[in-house]
Structure formats: structure tokens, C-alpha cells
Amino acid sequence: MPIPFIDLQSQRARLGQPLEDAILKVVRSGAYVMGPEIAQFETALGAFGQAPFVLSCGSGTEALQLPLMAWGIGPGDAVFCPSFTFAATAEVMPLVGASPVFVDILPDTYNLDPAALDRAIEAVKADGELTPKAVIAVDLFGQPADYPAIAAVARKHGLKLIADSAQGFGCTLNGQHPIHWADVATTSFFPAKPLGCYGDGGAVLCKDARLHDILVSLRVHGQAVKSDLEGKTFDHDPKYLNLRIGMNSRMDTIQAAVLLQKLSIFADEIEARNRVAARYAAGLSDVVAVPKVIEGGVSVWAQYTIEVGDRDGLIAHLKGHEIPTAVYYPIPIHRQDVYSAYPAPGGLPVTDAKAGKVMSLPMHPYLTPEDQDAIIAAIRAFAGRNA
């Protein structure tokens, strides 16, 4: 039987009847949009992620777009981000009229290089065509970026900082979640994420009450919120008083119900993922380049990504043993035609090099030692044959 790349069914079996009861409760309630589970989940997520304010929304992409809208970022503005990430990270800039500026990554963690970020900001300032406004750092493959260094660069240049934790929600650095350094942290609840729902969804975590209020407004078509109505009278539903150009980015109540159940076991699953990662490292570190986690960091291991010389050969070899693999970001964003006109000051040599070498192995909290032994043995056999 093939080994699953991500095993959501084992997780569903573990959650059992309470999960099904939670879904059925929403179905019976009729509160399918913005039901009570939404607020319950936002509170629970904030407690877990060390954030005083949380806004659930329709997707991880919209979670990135909403803060840019709230800050008024648009035409003529530059937002700095890595190119070695999913397209959504960069997609949100053109969606608000701004320009992504692509920055290289560190060769060991694949996350944003703080020194390269500083150089890119200086280059954009010197060019004078765009106004630097924000940085989006990505917690790639589940581990935290170097937030102390990145935040220092952002503060130096007066830029907002977003932690894109679509793959990394739950990761920590020296015991702190990314929101400790960032102005906002965002995440995705796409089913394959470490904390995923049964559809789509996202969230924005922040520390500023007024920013959260604006995000609440933008999430529902720019509706009036409590702070807008202070000292004013409006006798109707505030959703019919629209003070901003917003969007429809409400999370379905069923997804919040699912996420509340999954959040209850999330800490345990993070520990299990780290045990799986440690076992991979012990079995593979002498034959392939295994992941390196930043000092003081705890990854949630959205993926376990290795580097090999003959990637295609190893993928084919593992496929013959019914072992699935994945290649993430084989064409970095700055190499995609639709993004090729945007700046990448000084080039991105590390990004370009890594895109041809990395591949990801099965990773989830329920990967059995027997299946993991089979994966390790198959990789070692291939390495031995090609030594």
C-alpha cells in the first residue's frame, strides 16, 4: 500500500465523534456564516499564537491582502518578499496595485536573508521609482524566519512587517511566535497545512486594536465598525453603512468548528512532527542534505525538505517503492512570466540554485516508524547505488 504524503484520515479518526458532532451542530444551527464558532475560534487561536487580536477570513491569500489594504498600500509602493515561496505571497501586491520586490534567501533555512533584504531596500530607495512600505517574511516549510534580524531591518527603514505563516503557524523562535516581532502574522487553513480545515480559510493575528477594527471592516465589504460609529447614530445594521472599499472574506462557520477541534490537539501534533523530523535527520543526514532549523527555532514541519544532486532520479526511485514526494517551487516566482517585470535587485542566486535541488518527503504526525524506516531505507539504497 502506498505511503500517504499527508495523512488527514488518521487525524480525523483520532478526533472521532466530537469532530462530527461539532460539524453537525453548525449544520443544525443554520448559522453557516459568522456563527458563534467564529468568535470562539478567533479567541482560541489568539491564545495559542500569542496575539491579542485575531481576524478569521476566507483564505491565506486574503489574510495577506487585508493588512496591505488596511495600511493603504497601493500603486507606487514596494513590498519586499522572497521568491522561493508560493505565488500567493507575491500575488497580493499587484492585487492592491503595489509592486513585489523579490529578495534572496538563506542557503540553509530557505527563509528570507536579512542582509539581502537590507540591500534590496537600499537599491529600491536609490532607484527612486517605488516607495518601500512593507516586508513579508515567510515561515517556509514550517520554520520561523530570522525575525529579530528581519524586524531590525524593517524598523531601520520604517517598514511594516508581515509574518506569512501559511506553512508555519505554531512555529516559535526562542519561545515566541512570529507576531512578537511582526506587525501582523497571517496563516492559511488549507487542508494540507499543519493546522488545516475541511475547505479553505485564513487568519490575521495582530497587536493593534484599531488595525483589527479596520480589518473587521474590510473583511465584510468595508462595513462600519464600533470605532467608526463613536459619537454617531446609525439605527440600522452597520453592514449597510460602508465606509471603505472592502471584500467578502468571511470564514464559513463549519471551518471554525473543525479548526476548534483540530486546535485542541495541535500542540501534541507539533511535538509528533518534530519527532518524525528528528528521526529523518538521524537516518539521512549522512547521505543527503537534511533541513537546518534556525537556532532557537521550533518548526511545525509543514514539509520535510531535503537537497539532492539527482533529484529526478531519487523521485523516480521512490515512486517505484510507492513512496510519494513533492517538489515545491521548481520555478521561483521571479522566474514566472507574469512576475518577471518586477524588481529582484542584484539577482537571486541562492533561490535559483535551491529550486533545482530540493524535494520533500512524507511528513505528518501519524507517520509510523515502519513507514519512515521504509522511506529512509529506500533513500539510503539510492544514495549507495549512486555513491
Protein backbone atom coordinates (compact mmCIF):
# COMPACT_ATOMS: atom_id res chain seq x y z
CA MET A 1 0.00 0.00 0.00
CA PRO A 2 1.40 3.45 -0.90
CA ILE A 3 2.62 5.61 1.97
CA PRO A 4 0.49 8.78 2.27
CA PHE A 5 2.31 12.08 1.79
CA ILE A 6 -0.04 13.73 4.31
CA ASP A 7 -2.40 11.55 6.35
CA LEU A 8 -5.54 13.53 7.15
CA GLN A 9 -7.63 10.42 7.67
CA SER A 10 -5.62 9.26 10.68
CA GLN A 11 -6.11 12.69 12.20
CA ARG A 12 -9.86 12.54 11.50
CA ALA A 13 -10.06 9.12 13.16
CA ARG A 14 -8.23 10.46 16.21
CA LEU A 15 -10.63 13.38 16.58
CA GLY A 16 -13.55 10.98 16.19
CA GLN A 17 -17.14 11.70 17.15
CA PRO A 18 -16.56 15.15 18.73
CA LEU A 19 -15.43 16.43 15.34
CA GLU A 20 -18.50 15.08 13.60
CA ASP A 21 -20.73 16.43 16.37
CA ALA A 22 -19.20 19.88 16.00
CA ILE A 23 -19.89 19.91 12.26
CA LEU A 24 -23.43 18.64 12.72
CA LYS A 25 -24.10 21.28 15.38
CA VAL A 26 -23.36 24.01 12.85
CA VAL A 27 -25.48 22.31 10.20
CA ARG A 28 -28.41 22.12 12.60
CA SER A 29 -27.95 25.68 13.83
CA GLY A 30 -28.30 27.31 10.43
CA ALA A 31 -25.57 29.85 11.33
CA TYR A 32 -23.41 28.93 8.37
CA VAL A 33 -21.60 32.27 8.06
CA MET A 34 -20.15 34.16 11.05
CA GLY A 35 -21.79 31.83 13.54
CA PRO A 36 -20.68 31.73 17.21
CA GLU A 37 -17.86 29.26 16.47
CA ILE A 38 -16.07 32.02 14.53
CA ALA A 39 -15.54 34.20 17.60
CA GLN A 40 -14.70 31.14 19.71
CA PHE A 41 -12.05 30.08 17.24
CA GLU A 42 -10.56 33.56 16.93
CA THR A 43 -10.18 33.73 20.71
CA ALA A 44 -8.61 30.27 20.90
CA LEU A 45 -6.24 30.97 18.02
CA GLY A 46 -5.08 34.21 19.62
CA ALA A 47 -4.39 32.41 22.89
CA PHE A 48 -2.34 29.78 21.09
CA GLY A 49 -0.48 32.24 18.84
CA GLN A 50 0.26 34.89 21.49
CA ALA A 51 -1.81 37.59 19.77
CA PRO A 52 -4.42 39.84 21.42
CA PHE A 53 -6.45 40.26 18.22
CA VAL A 54 -7.36 37.68 15.56
CA LEU A 55 -9.44 38.03 12.41
CA SER A 56 -10.54 34.88 10.62
CA CYS A 57 -11.03 35.23 6.88
CA GLY A 58 -11.69 33.33 3.68
CA SER A 59 -8.16 32.22 2.76
CA GLY A 60 -4.48 32.62 3.49
CA THR A 61 -4.18 34.82 0.42
CA GLU A 62 -6.83 37.22 1.67
CA ALA A 63 -5.13 37.19 5.07
CA LEU A 64 -2.08 38.71 3.35
CA GLN A 65 -4.09 41.16 1.27
CA LEU A 66 -6.21 42.59 4.07
CA PRO A 67 -3.34 44.25 6.04
CA LEU A 68 -1.97 45.81 2.85
CA MET A 69 -5.43 47.30 2.24
CA ALA A 70 -5.69 48.45 5.85
CA TRP A 71 -2.35 50.27 5.59
CA GLY A 72 -3.31 51.92 2.30
CA ILE A 73 -0.50 50.25 0.36
CA GLY A 74 -1.05 50.61 -3.38
CA PRO A 75 0.31 52.00 -6.66
CA GLY A 76 3.91 53.18 -6.47
CA ASP A 77 4.60 51.22 -3.29
CA ALA A 78 7.09 48.38 -2.87
CA VAL A 79 6.60 45.31 -0.69
CA PHE A 80 9.65 43.06 -0.22
CA CYS A 81 9.30 39.28 -0.12
CA PRO A 82 11.14 36.08 -1.04
CA SER A 83 10.69 34.50 -4.44
CA PHE A 84 11.13 30.97 -3.08
CA THR A 85 7.55 30.65 -1.82
CA PHE A 86 4.04 30.03 -3.12
CA ALA A 87 2.74 32.64 -5.56
CA ALA A 88 0.16 33.94 -3.07
CA THR A 89 2.90 35.72 -1.10
CA ALA A 90 3.69 37.98 -4.06
CA GLU A 91 0.26 37.92 -5.69
CA VAL A 92 -1.31 40.19 -3.11
CA MET A 93 0.88 43.16 -4.03
CA PRO A 94 -0.42 43.53 -7.62
CA LEU A 95 -3.93 42.87 -6.29
CA VAL A 96 -3.72 46.15 -4.35
CA GLY A 97 -1.73 47.91 -7.09
CA ALA A 98 1.65 47.68 -5.36
CA SER A 99 4.85 46.05 -6.64
CA PRO A 100 6.56 42.99 -5.16
CA VAL A 101 10.32 43.28 -4.83
CA PHE A 102 11.98 39.88 -4.67
CA VAL A 103 14.71 39.14 -2.15
CA ASP A 104 17.10 36.20 -1.89
CA ILE A 105 17.02 33.51 0.79
CA LEU A 106 19.48 31.98 3.23
CA PRO A 107 21.08 28.80 1.87
CA ASP A 108 20.42 26.70 4.99
CA THR A 109 16.86 27.57 6.12
CA TYR A 110 15.46 28.78 2.75
CA ASN A 111 13.97 31.78 4.56
CA LEU A 112 14.43 35.46 3.80
CA ASP A 113 18.05 36.68 4.04
CA PRO A 114 18.09 39.79 6.29
CA ALA A 115 21.27 41.16 4.70
CA ALA A 116 19.85 40.69 1.20
CA LEU A 117 16.66 42.42 2.36
CA ASP A 118 18.60 45.46 3.55
CA ARG A 119 20.46 45.66 0.23
CA ALA A 120 17.22 45.36 -1.75
CA ILE A 121 15.55 48.16 0.21
CA GLU A 122 18.55 50.41 -0.30
CA ALA A 123 18.54 49.61 -4.03
CA VAL A 124 14.86 50.49 -4.38
CA LYS A 125 15.37 53.73 -2.47
CA ALA A 126 18.31 54.65 -4.69
CA ASP A 127 16.30 53.88 -7.84
CA GLY A 128 13.50 56.17 -6.72
CA GLU A 129 10.73 54.57 -8.78
CA LEU A 130 8.98 52.88 -5.86
CA THR A 131 8.38 53.76 -2.21
CA PRO A 132 9.29 50.96 0.22
CA LYS A 133 6.34 50.26 2.52
CA ALA A 134 6.40 46.71 3.89
CA VAL A 135 8.19 43.37 4.16
CA ILE A 136 6.58 39.93 4.00
CA ALA A 137 8.75 37.23 5.57
CA VAL A 138 7.73 33.61 5.01
CA ASP A 139 7.99 30.75 7.50
CA LEU A 140 8.90 28.36 4.73
CA PHE A 141 8.28 24.63 5.19
CA GLY A 142 7.13 25.34 8.75
CA GLN A 143 10.08 27.02 10.48
CA PRO A 144 10.35 30.62 11.63
CA ALA A 145 12.30 33.16 9.63
CA ASP A 146 15.04 35.16 11.36
CA TYR A 147 12.59 37.66 12.80
CA PRO A 148 14.93 39.54 15.15
CA ALA A 149 17.20 40.41 12.22
CA ILE A 150 14.38 40.98 9.71
CA ALA A 151 12.45 43.17 12.14
CA ALA A 152 15.58 45.24 12.77
CA VAL A 153 15.92 45.88 9.02
CA ALA A 154 12.22 46.75 8.72
CA ARG A 155 12.44 49.20 11.65
CA LYS A 156 15.60 50.74 10.24
CA HIS A 157 13.72 51.64 7.07
CA GLY A 158 10.34 52.39 8.68
CA LEU A 159 8.55 49.47 7.03
CA LYS A 160 5.65 47.32 8.20
CA LEU A 161 6.43 43.62 8.73
CA ILE A 162 4.09 40.73 7.92
CA ALA A 163 4.93 37.20 9.02
CA ASP A 164 3.48 34.88 6.37
CA SER A 165 2.93 31.78 8.48
CA ALA A 166 0.74 29.97 5.95
CA GLN A 167 3.03 26.94 6.34
CA GLY A 168 4.37 27.80 9.75
CA PHE A 169 1.60 28.73 12.15
CA GLY A 170 2.62 27.36 15.53
CA CYS A 171 6.36 27.74 14.91
CA THR A 172 8.35 29.64 17.54
CA LEU A 173 11.72 31.31 17.93
CA ASN A 174 13.14 31.40 21.45
CA GLY A 175 9.66 30.61 22.71
CA GLN A 176 8.00 33.50 20.86
CA HIS A 177 5.56 33.28 17.97
CA PRO A 178 6.35 35.47 14.91
CA ILE A 179 3.77 38.08 15.97
CA HIS A 180 6.22 39.05 18.73
CA TRP A 181 8.33 40.79 16.06
CA ALA A 182 5.85 41.36 13.22
CA ASP A 183 3.09 43.95 12.90
CA VAL A 184 0.79 41.16 11.76
CA ALA A 185 1.09 37.42 11.28
CA THR A 186 -1.05 35.60 8.76
CA THR A 187 -1.86 31.98 8.19
CA SER A 188 -3.75 29.62 5.90
CA PHE A 189 -6.05 26.79 6.89
CA PHE A 190 -5.90 25.00 3.52
CA PRO A 191 -6.39 21.30 4.37
CA ALA A 192 -2.75 20.31 3.77
CA LYS A 193 -1.40 22.87 6.27
CA PRO A 194 -0.29 21.72 9.74
CA LEU A 195 -3.45 23.37 11.08
CA GLY A 196 -5.91 22.89 8.25
CA CYS A 197 -9.67 22.95 7.90
CA TYR A 198 -12.02 20.99 5.61
CA GLY A 199 -12.21 23.66 2.94
CA ASP A 200 -10.41 26.98 2.86
CA GLY A 201 -9.77 29.72 5.37
CA GLY A 202 -7.17 32.01 6.83
CA ALA A 203 -6.48 34.37 9.70
CA VAL A 204 -4.70 37.61 10.55
CA LEU A 205 -3.14 38.00 14.00
CA CYS A 206 -2.22 41.47 15.21
CA LYS A 207 -1.46 43.58 18.29
CA ASP A 208 -3.19 46.85 17.40
CA ALA A 209 -6.87 47.33 18.27
CA ARG A 210 -7.52 49.98 15.62
CA LEU A 211 -5.87 47.88 12.91
CA HIS A 212 -8.03 44.93 13.94
CA ASP A 213 -11.12 47.13 13.72
CA ILE A 214 -10.22 48.16 10.17
CA LEU A 215 -9.58 44.52 9.22
CA VAL A 216 -13.03 43.60 10.58
CA SER A 217 -14.50 46.29 8.35
CA LEU A 218 -12.55 45.28 5.25
CA ARG A 219 -13.47 41.61 5.72
CA VAL A 220 -17.15 42.44 5.15
CA HIS A 221 -17.33 44.97 2.33
CA GLY A 222 -15.97 47.90 4.33
CA GLN A 223 -18.80 47.87 6.83
CA ALA A 224 -18.88 50.35 9.69
CA VAL A 225 -17.36 49.05 12.92
CA LYS A 226 -17.76 50.21 16.50
CA SER A 227 -14.88 52.70 16.40
CA ASP A 228 -16.38 54.29 13.25
CA LEU A 229 -19.71 54.92 15.00
CA GLU A 230 -18.44 56.55 18.17
CA GLY A 231 -20.37 59.78 18.60
CA LYS A 232 -22.59 58.94 15.62
CA THR A 233 -26.06 57.50 15.23
CA PHE A 234 -26.93 54.79 12.73
CA ASP A 235 -30.09 52.89 13.55
CA HIS A 236 -29.63 50.05 11.08
CA ASP A 237 -27.31 47.08 10.72
CA PRO A 238 -23.77 48.57 10.36
CA LYS A 239 -23.06 46.24 7.46
CA TYR A 240 -25.25 48.59 5.42
CA LEU A 241 -23.05 51.58 6.23
CA ASN A 242 -19.95 51.05 4.10
CA LEU A 243 -17.05 53.34 4.90
CA ARG A 244 -14.27 51.58 2.98
CA ILE A 245 -13.77 49.56 -0.17
CA GLY A 246 -13.56 46.06 1.27
CA MET A 247 -14.13 42.48 0.18
CA ASN A 248 -16.10 39.39 1.13
CA SER A 249 -13.64 37.32 3.17
CA ARG A 250 -15.75 35.63 5.82
CA MET A 251 -14.83 32.15 7.03
CA ASP A 252 -17.56 29.51 6.96
CA THR A 253 -18.72 28.57 10.44
CA ILE A 254 -18.20 24.87 9.73
CA GLN A 255 -14.50 25.54 9.14
CA ALA A 256 -14.21 27.29 12.51
CA ALA A 257 -15.89 24.30 14.17
CA VAL A 258 -13.40 21.94 12.53
CA LEU A 259 -10.45 24.13 13.48
CA LEU A 260 -11.53 24.34 17.11
CA GLN A 261 -11.34 20.55 17.28
CA LYS A 262 -8.00 20.41 15.49
CA LEU A 263 -6.52 23.19 17.64
CA SER A 264 -7.18 21.04 20.71
CA ILE A 265 -4.57 18.51 19.54
CA PHE A 266 -2.30 20.87 17.62
CA ALA A 267 0.43 21.18 20.27
CA ASP A 268 0.66 17.41 20.50
CA GLU A 269 0.85 17.14 16.72
CA ILE A 270 3.68 19.67 16.59
CA GLU A 271 5.64 17.51 19.04
CA ALA A 272 4.93 14.44 16.90
CA ARG A 273 6.08 16.24 13.75
CA ASN A 274 9.33 17.13 15.46
CA ARG A 275 9.87 13.50 16.46
CA VAL A 276 9.36 12.47 12.83
CA ALA A 277 11.78 15.17 11.67
CA ALA A 278 14.42 14.10 14.20
CA ARG A 279 14.10 10.51 13.02
CA TYR A 280 14.55 11.56 9.39
CA ALA A 281 17.65 13.56 10.32
CA ALA A 282 19.16 10.66 12.23
CA GLY A 283 18.59 8.28 9.33
CA LEU A 284 19.50 10.52 6.41
CA SER A 285 21.98 13.21 7.43
CA ASP A 286 24.99 11.26 6.18
CA VAL A 287 23.58 10.64 2.68
CA VAL A 288 21.57 13.78 1.78
CA ALA A 289 21.38 17.41 2.92
CA VAL A 290 18.70 17.46 5.61
CA PRO A 291 16.90 20.60 6.83
CA LYS A 292 18.56 23.00 9.24
CA VAL A 293 16.37 24.86 11.72
CA ILE A 294 17.33 28.33 12.92
CA GLU A 295 18.99 28.45 16.35
CA GLY A 296 16.27 28.59 19.00
CA GLY A 297 13.57 27.73 16.47
CA VAL A 298 10.82 25.13 16.64
CA SER A 299 9.38 24.14 13.27
CA VAL A 300 5.90 22.76 12.66
CA TRP A 301 7.33 20.83 9.69
CA ALA A 302 4.72 21.56 7.06
CA GLN A 303 7.17 19.76 4.80
CA TYR A 304 10.38 17.80 5.34
CA THR A 305 12.59 19.06 2.53
CA ILE A 306 15.96 17.61 1.56
CA GLU A 307 18.54 18.55 -1.06
CA VAL A 308 19.94 16.02 -3.51
CA GLY A 309 22.06 16.14 -6.64
CA ASP A 310 19.99 13.76 -8.78
CA ARG A 311 16.53 14.84 -7.74
CA ASP A 312 14.69 13.33 -10.68
CA GLY A 313 16.47 10.03 -10.19
CA LEU A 314 15.58 9.83 -6.50
CA ILE A 315 11.96 10.80 -7.15
CA ALA A 316 11.67 8.01 -9.73
CA HIS A 317 13.36 5.54 -7.38
CA LEU A 318 10.98 6.36 -4.52
CA LYS A 319 7.97 6.21 -6.82
CA GLY A 320 8.98 2.66 -7.66
CA HIS A 321 8.73 1.88 -3.94
CA GLU A 322 5.28 3.56 -3.70
CA ILE A 323 6.76 6.46 -1.74
CA PRO A 324 5.31 9.86 -2.74
CA THR A 325 7.40 13.02 -2.95
CA ALA A 326 6.77 16.65 -3.84
CA VAL A 327 8.84 19.39 -5.43
CA TYR A 328 7.86 22.81 -4.12
CA TYR A 329 8.53 25.93 -6.16
CA PRO A 330 10.54 24.42 -9.07
CA ILE A 331 10.15 27.78 -10.83
CA PRO A 332 10.66 30.62 -8.32
CA ILE A 333 8.17 33.45 -8.57
CA HIS A 334 10.61 35.94 -10.10
CA ARG A 335 11.16 33.46 -12.97
CA GLN A 336 7.44 33.22 -13.77
CA ASP A 337 6.50 35.27 -16.83
CA VAL A 338 3.75 37.23 -15.10
CA TYR A 339 6.13 38.35 -12.32
CA SER A 340 9.32 38.74 -14.34
CA ALA A 341 8.92 42.50 -14.76
CA TYR A 342 9.06 43.14 -11.02
CA PRO A 343 12.37 44.03 -9.34
CA ALA A 344 14.82 41.47 -7.95
CA PRO A 345 17.77 43.74 -7.08
CA GLY A 346 21.14 42.07 -7.57
CA GLY A 347 19.57 38.80 -8.68
CA LEU A 348 18.61 35.83 -6.52
CA PRO A 349 21.45 33.29 -6.92
CA VAL A 350 20.61 31.22 -3.83
CA THR A 351 16.93 30.98 -4.79
CA ASP A 352 17.81 29.92 -8.33
CA ALA A 353 20.23 27.26 -7.09
CA LYS A 354 17.92 25.74 -4.48
CA ALA A 355 14.94 25.50 -6.83
CA GLY A 356 16.70 22.74 -8.77
CA LYS A 357 17.75 20.66 -5.77
CA VAL A 358 15.03 20.47 -3.14
CA MET A 359 12.36 17.80 -2.73
CA SER A 360 10.00 16.96 0.10
CA LEU A 361 9.27 13.63 1.78
CA PRO A 362 6.11 12.36 3.50
CA MET A 363 5.58 14.36 6.69
CA HIS A 364 2.70 14.28 9.15
CA PRO A 365 2.19 13.49 12.86
CA TYR A 366 0.91 9.99 12.12
CA LEU A 367 3.82 8.70 10.03
CA THR A 368 4.58 5.29 11.51
CA PRO A 369 8.14 4.18 12.33
CA GLU A 370 7.69 1.30 9.88
CA ASP A 371 6.75 3.60 7.01
CA GLN A 372 9.50 6.03 7.90
CA ASP A 373 12.05 3.21 8.03
CA ALA A 374 10.97 2.17 4.54
CA ILE A 375 11.45 5.74 3.25
CA ILE A 376 14.86 6.08 4.87
CA ALA A 377 15.98 2.68 3.59
CA ALA A 378 14.91 3.49 0.03
CA ILE A 379 16.79 6.80 0.05
CA ARG A 380 19.90 5.19 1.52
CA ALA A 381 19.77 2.46 -1.12
CA PHE A 382 19.60 5.05 -3.88
CA ALA A 383 22.46 7.04 -2.35
CA GLY A 384 24.58 3.92 -2.02
CA ARG A 385 23.93 2.92 -5.58
CA ASN A 386 24.97 6.36 -6.81
CA ALA A 387 27.93 6.88 -4.49
